């Protein structure tokens, strides 16, 4: 525990914080990914190539072998970024997901049904919408910023990463997202 205390007190410069943030995102992505071979993911993180067929179904994702549909999400990604850019109020990842689904949250006093993206992904499962939103976050278009309210509770609101508009549009010129395919019975 002494080592942890020293690490917490260590000062990080901006590049150190950025590197730690990227490592954390990579770890979360690894845990949440349902399609990529674990060995391919791990070795890719270390800069090596690995052929998934060499896994021989030794990892959970290769054993599950979930069918995957690649979907071009370029336009909806642009719509989401544009909406966040013009948005004057704070919105969480969950609220954004429900807005895209076209669902009003009975527990939330605020309504986002006036946003141009409201209901744009109404045919998607909410779980898939949340995966898409996380993938956009992993690609560094926005991040979750903790804000403490009057009662001391933290809320994680989405905040755009400040990059130039041409750079942003260039980097979302083609966004592909892997959806879990529904198996018809």
C-alpha atoms as a PDB file:
ATOM      1  CA  UNK A   1       0.000   0.000   0.000  1.00  0.00           C
ATOM      2  CA  UNK A   2       2.967   2.309   0.527  1.00  0.00           C
ATOM      3  CA  UNK A   3       3.762   2.122  -3.199  1.00  0.00           C
ATOM      4  CA  UNK A   4       0.192   3.162  -4.062  1.00  0.00           C
ATOM      5  CA  UNK A   5       0.421   6.166  -1.752  1.00  0.00           C
ATOM      6  CA  UNK A   6       3.620   7.320  -3.429  1.00  0.00           C
ATOM      7  CA  UNK A   7       2.063   6.916  -6.888  1.00  0.00           C
ATOM      8  CA  UNK A   8      -0.989   8.937  -5.895  1.00  0.00           C
ATOM      9  CA  UNK A   9       1.184  11.777  -4.656  1.00  0.00           C
ATOM     10  CA  UNK A  10       3.438  11.758  -7.719  1.00  0.00           C
ATOM     11  CA  UNK A  11       3.042  14.763  -9.974  1.00  0.00           C
ATOM     12  CA  UNK A  12       2.312  13.978 -13.612  1.00  0.00           C
ATOM     13  CA  UNK A  13       2.917  16.325 -16.473  1.00  0.00           C
ATOM     14  CA  UNK A  14       0.337  16.626 -19.273  1.00  0.00           C
ATOM     15  CA  UNK A  15       1.908  13.863 -21.380  1.00  0.00           C
ATOM     16  CA  UNK A  16       2.006  11.486 -18.398  1.00  0.00           C
ATOM     17  CA  UNK A  17      -1.678  12.117 -17.658  1.00  0.00           C
ATOM     18  CA  UNK A  18      -2.540  11.645 -21.317  1.00  0.00           C
ATOM     19  CA  UNK A  19      -0.598   8.373 -21.488  1.00  0.00           C
ATOM     20  CA  UNK A  20      -2.282   7.088 -18.311  1.00  0.00           C
ATOM     21  CA  UNK A  21      -5.668   8.065 -19.715  1.00  0.00           C
ATOM     22  CA  UNK A  22      -4.982   6.178 -22.960  1.00  0.00           C
ATOM     23  CA  UNK A  23      -3.844   3.098 -21.025  1.00  0.00           C
ATOM     24  CA  UNK A  24      -6.999   3.186 -18.917  1.00  0.00           C
ATOM     25  CA  UNK A  25      -9.197   3.517 -22.031  1.00  0.00           C
ATOM     26  CA  UNK A  26      -7.392   0.581 -23.598  1.00  0.00           C
ATOM     27  CA  UNK A  27      -7.969  -1.556 -20.493  1.00  0.00           C
ATOM     28  CA  UNK A  28     -11.681  -0.677 -20.373  1.00  0.00           C
ATOM     29  CA  UNK A  29     -11.996  -1.378 -24.081  1.00  0.00           C
ATOM     30  CA  UNK A  30     -10.328  -4.762 -23.581  1.00  0.00           C
ATOM     31  CA  UNK A  31     -12.811  -5.670 -20.834  1.00  0.00           C
ATOM     32  CA  UNK A  32     -15.882  -4.563 -22.777  1.00  0.00           C
ATOM     33  CA  UNK A  33     -14.951  -5.928 -26.222  1.00  0.00           C
ATOM     34  CA  UNK A  34     -17.065  -8.930 -27.218  1.00  0.00           C
ATOM     35  CA  UNK A  35     -15.606  -9.615 -30.661  1.00  0.00           C
ATOM     36  CA  UNK A  36     -11.833  -9.168 -30.800  1.00  0.00           C
ATOM     37  CA  UNK A  37      -9.614 -12.127 -29.931  1.00  0.00           C
ATOM     38  CA  UNK A  38      -8.050 -11.411 -26.532  1.00  0.00           C
ATOM     39  CA  UNK A  39      -4.574 -12.482 -27.683  1.00  0.00           C
ATOM     40  CA  UNK A  40      -4.887 -10.306 -30.789  1.00  0.00           C
ATOM     41  CA  UNK A  41      -5.901  -7.389 -28.564  1.00  0.00           C
ATOM     42  CA  UNK A  42      -3.067  -7.928 -26.056  1.00  0.00           C
ATOM     43  CA  UNK A  43      -0.363  -8.389 -28.670  1.00  0.00           C
ATOM     44  CA  UNK A  44      -1.717  -5.473 -30.692  1.00  0.00           C
ATOM     45  CA  UNK A  45      -1.357  -3.301 -27.577  1.00  0.00           C
ATOM     46  CA  UNK A  46       2.297  -4.343 -27.468  1.00  0.00           C
ATOM     47  CA  UNK A  47       2.719  -3.502 -31.164  1.00  0.00           C
ATOM     48  CA  UNK A  48       2.697  -7.070 -32.473  1.00  0.00           C
ATOM     49  CA  UNK A  49       0.446  -8.705 -35.067  1.00  0.00           C
ATOM     50  CA  UNK A  50      -1.473 -11.872 -34.244  1.00  0.00           C
ATOM     51  CA  UNK A  51      -3.625 -13.994 -36.517  1.00  0.00           C
ATOM     52  CA  UNK A  52      -6.905 -14.772 -34.743  1.00  0.00           C
ATOM     53  CA  UNK A  53      -6.982 -18.261 -36.269  1.00  0.00           C
ATOM     54  CA  UNK A  54      -3.904 -19.142 -34.189  1.00  0.00           C
ATOM     55  CA  UNK A  55      -5.905 -18.605 -30.996  1.00  0.00           C
ATOM     56  CA  UNK A  56      -7.583 -21.999 -31.496  1.00  0.00           C
ATOM     57  CA  UNK A  57     -10.535 -20.805 -29.417  1.00  0.00           C
ATOM     58  CA  UNK A  58      -8.528 -20.371 -26.227  1.00  0.00           C
ATOM     59  CA  UNK A  59     -10.078 -17.005 -25.292  1.00  0.00           C
ATOM     60  CA  UNK A  60     -13.660 -16.162 -24.335  1.00  0.00           C
ATOM     61  CA  UNK A  61     -14.362 -14.098 -27.449  1.00  0.00           C
ATOM     62  CA  UNK A  62     -13.104 -16.783 -29.847  1.00  0.00           C
ATOM     63  CA  UNK A  63     -15.043 -19.461 -27.941  1.00  0.00           C
ATOM     64  CA  UNK A  64     -18.241 -17.374 -28.081  1.00  0.00           C
ATOM     65  CA  UNK A  65     -17.597 -16.558 -31.767  1.00  0.00           C
ATOM     66  CA  UNK A  66     -20.395 -13.980 -31.801  1.00  0.00           C
ATOM     67  CA  UNK A  67     -21.429 -13.033 -35.317  1.00  0.00           C
ATOM     68  CA  UNK A  68     -20.669  -9.418 -36.070  1.00  0.00           C
ATOM     69  CA  UNK A  69     -22.218  -6.917 -38.465  1.00  0.00           C
ATOM     70  CA  UNK A  70     -20.003  -4.004 -39.473  1.00  0.00           C
ATOM     71  CA  UNK A  71     -22.025  -0.836 -39.768  1.00  0.00           C
ATOM     72  CA  UNK A  72     -20.905   2.476 -41.215  1.00  0.00           C
ATOM     73  CA  UNK A  73     -21.681   5.019 -38.483  1.00  0.00           C
ATOM     74  CA  UNK A  74     -19.967   8.007 -40.058  1.00  0.00           C
ATOM     75  CA  UNK A  75     -23.065  10.178 -40.455  1.00  0.00           C
ATOM     76  CA  UNK A  76     -24.518   9.502 -37.013  1.00  0.00           C
ATOM     77  CA  UNK A  77     -21.075  10.097 -35.479  1.00  0.00           C
ATOM     78  CA  UNK A  78     -20.922  13.501 -37.210  1.00  0.00           C
ATOM     79  CA  UNK A  79     -24.467  14.258 -36.024  1.00  0.00           C
ATOM     80  CA  UNK A  80     -23.556  13.369 -32.429  1.00  0.00           C
ATOM     81  CA  UNK A  81     -20.406  15.527 -32.484  1.00  0.00           C
ATOM     82  CA  UNK A  82     -22.271  18.460 -34.075  1.00  0.00           C
ATOM     83  CA  UNK A  83     -25.024  18.142 -31.492  1.00  0.00           C
ATOM     84  CA  UNK A  84     -22.552  18.101 -28.602  1.00  0.00           C
ATOM     85  CA  UNK A  85     -20.756  21.062 -30.138  1.00  0.00           C
ATOM     86  CA  UNK A  86     -23.928  23.168 -30.300  1.00  0.00           C
ATOM     87  CA  UNK A  87     -25.384  21.838 -27.039  1.00  0.00           C
ATOM     88  CA  UNK A  88     -25.563  24.461 -24.289  1.00  0.00           C
ATOM     89  CA  UNK A  89     -26.577  22.091 -21.482  1.00  0.00           C
ATOM     90  CA  UNK A  90     -24.743  19.188 -19.902  1.00  0.00           C
ATOM     91  CA  UNK A  91     -25.550  15.621 -20.939  1.00  0.00           C
ATOM     92  CA  UNK A  92     -24.266  12.252 -19.722  1.00  0.00           C
ATOM     93  CA  UNK A  93     -23.413   9.231 -21.855  1.00  0.00           C
ATOM     94  CA  UNK A  94     -26.570   7.445 -20.661  1.00  0.00           C
ATOM     95  CA  UNK A  95     -28.759  10.485 -21.392  1.00  0.00           C
ATOM     96  CA  UNK A  96     -27.238  10.788 -24.865  1.00  0.00           C
ATOM     97  CA  UNK A  97     -27.895   7.087 -25.497  1.00  0.00           C
ATOM     98  CA  UNK A  98     -31.549   7.407 -24.466  1.00  0.00           C
ATOM     99  CA  UNK A  99     -31.882  10.532 -26.598  1.00  0.00           C
ATOM    100  CA  UNK A 100     -30.559   8.697 -29.661  1.00  0.00           C
ATOM    101  CA  UNK A 101     -32.945   5.828 -28.906  1.00  0.00           C
ATOM    102  CA  UNK A 102     -35.842   8.290 -28.597  1.00  0.00           C
ATOM    103  CA  UNK A 103     -36.604   7.342 -25.001  1.00  0.00           C
ATOM    104  CA  UNK A 104     -37.519   9.833 -22.335  1.00  0.00           C
ATOM    105  CA  UNK A 105     -36.069   9.096 -18.915  1.00  0.00           C
ATOM    106  CA  UNK A 106     -38.808   9.183 -16.274  1.00  0.00           C
ATOM    107  CA  UNK A 107     -36.191   9.747 -13.550  1.00  0.00           C
ATOM    108  CA  UNK A 108     -34.557  12.713 -15.320  1.00  0.00           C
ATOM    109  CA  UNK A 109     -36.300  16.065 -15.026  1.00  0.00           C
ATOM    110  CA  UNK A 110     -34.582  17.377 -18.158  1.00  0.00           C
ATOM    111  CA  UNK A 111     -35.794  16.466 -21.602  1.00  0.00           C
ATOM    112  CA  UNK A 112     -33.583  16.191 -24.658  1.00  0.00           C
ATOM    113  CA  UNK A 113     -36.346  15.514 -27.184  1.00  0.00           C
ATOM    114  CA  UNK A 114     -35.704  18.906 -28.797  1.00  0.00           C
ATOM    115  CA  UNK A 115     -32.262  17.791 -30.013  1.00  0.00           C
ATOM    116  CA  UNK A 116     -31.932  17.003 -33.740  1.00  0.00           C
ATOM    117  CA  UNK A 117     -30.513  13.545 -32.912  1.00  0.00           C
ATOM    118  CA  UNK A 118     -33.553  12.546 -30.829  1.00  0.00           C
ATOM    119  CA  UNK A 119     -34.740   9.111 -31.975  1.00  0.00           C
ATOM    120  CA  UNK A 120     -32.170   8.809 -34.796  1.00  0.00           C
ATOM    121  CA  UNK A 121     -31.204   5.311 -33.611  1.00  0.00           C
ATOM    122  CA  UNK A 122     -34.671   4.212 -32.501  1.00  0.00           C
ATOM    123  CA  UNK A 123     -34.264   0.807 -34.198  1.00  0.00           C
ATOM    124  CA  UNK A 124     -31.045   0.026 -32.304  1.00  0.00           C
ATOM    125  CA  UNK A 125     -30.777  -1.717 -28.943  1.00  0.00           C
ATOM    126  CA  UNK A 126     -29.804   0.729 -26.167  1.00  0.00           C
ATOM    127  CA  UNK A 127     -26.807  -1.499 -25.352  1.00  0.00           C
ATOM    128  CA  UNK A 128     -25.498  -1.116 -28.926  1.00  0.00           C
ATOM    129  CA  UNK A 129     -26.011   2.665 -28.816  1.00  0.00           C
ATOM    130  CA  UNK A 130     -23.964   2.839 -25.620  1.00  0.00           C
ATOM    131  CA  UNK A 131     -21.202   0.754 -27.254  1.00  0.00           C
ATOM    132  CA  UNK A 132     -21.134   3.162 -30.188  1.00  0.00           C
ATOM    133  CA  UNK A 133     -20.937   6.175 -27.852  1.00  0.00           C
ATOM    134  CA  UNK A 134     -18.080   4.578 -25.915  1.00  0.00           C
ATOM    135  CA  UNK A 135     -16.259   3.771 -29.148  1.00  0.00           C
ATOM    136  CA  UNK A 136     -16.551   7.428 -30.205  1.00  0.00           C
ATOM    137  CA  UNK A 137     -15.154   8.382 -26.789  1.00  0.00           C
ATOM    138  CA  UNK A 138     -12.263   5.898 -27.153  1.00  0.00           C
ATOM    139  CA  UNK A 139     -11.415   7.585 -30.457  1.00  0.00           C
ATOM    140  CA  UNK A 140     -10.908  10.830 -28.493  1.00  0.00           C
ATOM    141  CA  UNK A 141     -13.795  12.950 -29.761  1.00  0.00           C
ATOM    142  CA  UNK A 142     -15.143  13.602 -26.284  1.00  0.00           C
ATOM    143  CA  UNK A 143     -14.498  12.570 -22.694  1.00  0.00           C
ATOM    144  CA  UNK A 144     -16.461  12.299 -19.480  1.00  0.00           C
ATOM    145  CA  UNK A 145     -15.869  15.228 -17.164  1.00  0.00           C
ATOM    146  CA  UNK A 146     -16.766  14.864 -13.493  1.00  0.00           C
ATOM    147  CA  UNK A 147     -18.865  17.672 -12.061  1.00  0.00           C
ATOM    148  CA  UNK A 148     -19.815  17.800  -8.399  1.00  0.00           C
ATOM    149  CA  UNK A 149     -23.299  19.079  -7.601  1.00  0.00           C
ATOM    150  CA  UNK A 150     -24.524  21.057  -4.611  1.00  0.00           C
ATOM    151  CA  UNK A 151     -25.064  17.886  -2.558  1.00  0.00           C
ATOM    152  CA  UNK A 152     -21.574  16.532  -3.265  1.00  0.00           C
ATOM    153  CA  UNK A 153     -22.606  13.912  -5.838  1.00  0.00           C
ATOM    154  CA  UNK A 154     -20.546  13.490  -8.988  1.00  0.00           C
ATOM    155  CA  UNK A 155     -22.047  13.382 -12.466  1.00  0.00           C
ATOM    156  CA  UNK A 156     -19.999  12.487 -15.528  1.00  0.00           C
ATOM    157  CA  UNK A 157     -20.935  14.883 -18.342  1.00  0.00           C
ATOM    158  CA  UNK A 158     -19.682  14.637 -21.904  1.00  0.00           C
ATOM    159  CA  UNK A 159     -17.252  17.279 -23.028  1.00  0.00           C
ATOM    160  CA  UNK A 160     -15.790  17.628 -26.508  1.00  0.00           C
ATOM    161  CA  UNK A 161     -12.044  17.453 -26.912  1.00  0.00           C
ATOM    162  CA  UNK A 162     -10.987  20.737 -28.439  1.00  0.00           C
ATOM    163  CA  UNK A 163      -9.558  20.118 -31.877  1.00  0.00           C
ATOM    164  CA  UNK A 164     -10.019  22.088 -35.062  1.00  0.00           C
ATOM    165  CA  UNK A 165     -13.177  21.382 -37.052  1.00  0.00           C
ATOM    166  CA  UNK A 166     -11.344  20.250 -40.241  1.00  0.00           C
ATOM    167  CA  UNK A 167      -9.265  17.818 -38.155  1.00  0.00           C
ATOM    168  CA  UNK A 168     -12.378  16.510 -36.416  1.00  0.00           C
ATOM    169  CA  UNK A 169     -14.236  15.978 -39.716  1.00  0.00           C
ATOM    170  CA  UNK A 170     -11.220  14.300 -41.289  1.00  0.00           C
ATOM    171  CA  UNK A 171     -10.879  11.851 -38.398  1.00  0.00           C
ATOM    172  CA  UNK A 172     -14.537  10.804 -38.596  1.00  0.00           C
ATOM    173  CA  UNK A 173     -14.546  10.417 -42.347  1.00  0.00           C
ATOM    174  CA  UNK A 174     -15.255   6.718 -41.894  1.00  0.00           C
ATOM    175  CA  UNK A 175     -16.457   5.273 -38.610  1.00  0.00           C
ATOM    176  CA  UNK A 176     -17.171   1.550 -38.586  1.00  0.00           C
ATOM    177  CA  UNK A 177     -18.816  -0.070 -35.633  1.00  0.00           C
ATOM    178  CA  UNK A 178     -19.313  -3.759 -34.942  1.00  0.00           C
ATOM    179  CA  UNK A 179     -22.801  -4.705 -33.758  1.00  0.00           C
ATOM    180  CA  UNK A 180     -23.867  -7.981 -32.245  1.00  0.00           C
ATOM    181  CA  UNK A 181     -26.029  -9.740 -34.781  1.00  0.00           C
ATOM    182  CA  UNK A 182     -29.390 -10.966 -33.542  1.00  0.00           C
ATOM    183  CA  UNK A 183     -29.846 -14.664 -34.086  1.00  0.00           C
ATOM    184  CA  UNK A 184     -33.364 -15.427 -35.297  1.00  0.00           C
ATOM    185  CA  UNK A 185     -35.023 -18.449 -33.740  1.00  0.00           C
END
